[in-house]
Every structure is written in structure tokens, then in C-alpha cells.
């Protein structure tokens, strides 16, 4: 457990990286200086971010300040989810078990496959012509 007034966690997903600061408060979540309801209009992304708090039963107890760069919207939401889970473990080791059980501490290592020579994308080949 760190001695600072806030706890840090770095989350990653696809090409997105999120730096999360967790401090005690009223449950406000700021992402790149904006409220998270404004940053993520889709409900699925909001649920993804709140998942770690629901699992640990800490909804509304901590303020979150996030700096997220890279990737798309879904990758950023996944990175923030991972970062929040890591920050909660930094806060208390008691949260490690439930977060691990729900798979929130494991980084999702799936990334975009590289394009191959002679193909249009990673696996899509040009159309075969017989004549």
C-alpha cells in the first residue's frame, strides 16, 4: 500500500494506455478533464468502467482522475477498467481476490494482427479469378 493521498494504476488495452489516479471522495470520474458521462456516451462503455467498483462494492466512495491516450473508444474504456482495478489493488490487497476472479486484473492482450504481403488485410486475399 502506498503512502500517497491517491493511488495509481496503469491500464492497457489494444493501443490505448490509461493512467488512473484514485482518491477518496464522492465518486466523480474525470477522463482527460471531462466528466466520464460526457466522454463515453454509450452505456456499455460506462458499465465497463464501473465494473471494478461494483465487484469490490466501492461505488461512490472514490474519485477517479484518468489520462488516456491512443486507441479507439472501446480500447480506451477497457484500458480505464484495467487501470481502475490496479489502483484498487494498490489501495487494498483485499480487493485482489474478487477482481482477479472477475478477470479485471488480467490485461486483454488481443491486438490488431499485422497486414501480410500480397493480402489486402491481415487475412483477406484478393479475389481469385479463374479466367
Foldseek 3Di string as FASTA:
>chain_A
DDPDQWFWFWFFFAFKIKIKTKHFDFQFEAEPNHGVCVVDVDPVLVCLLCVLCVLVVNHRGIYMYMYMDDDDDNRRSLRNQLTVQRRVCRVPVVSVVSCVVVVSPDHPPDYAAAPDPQDPGNPHHPDDDPD
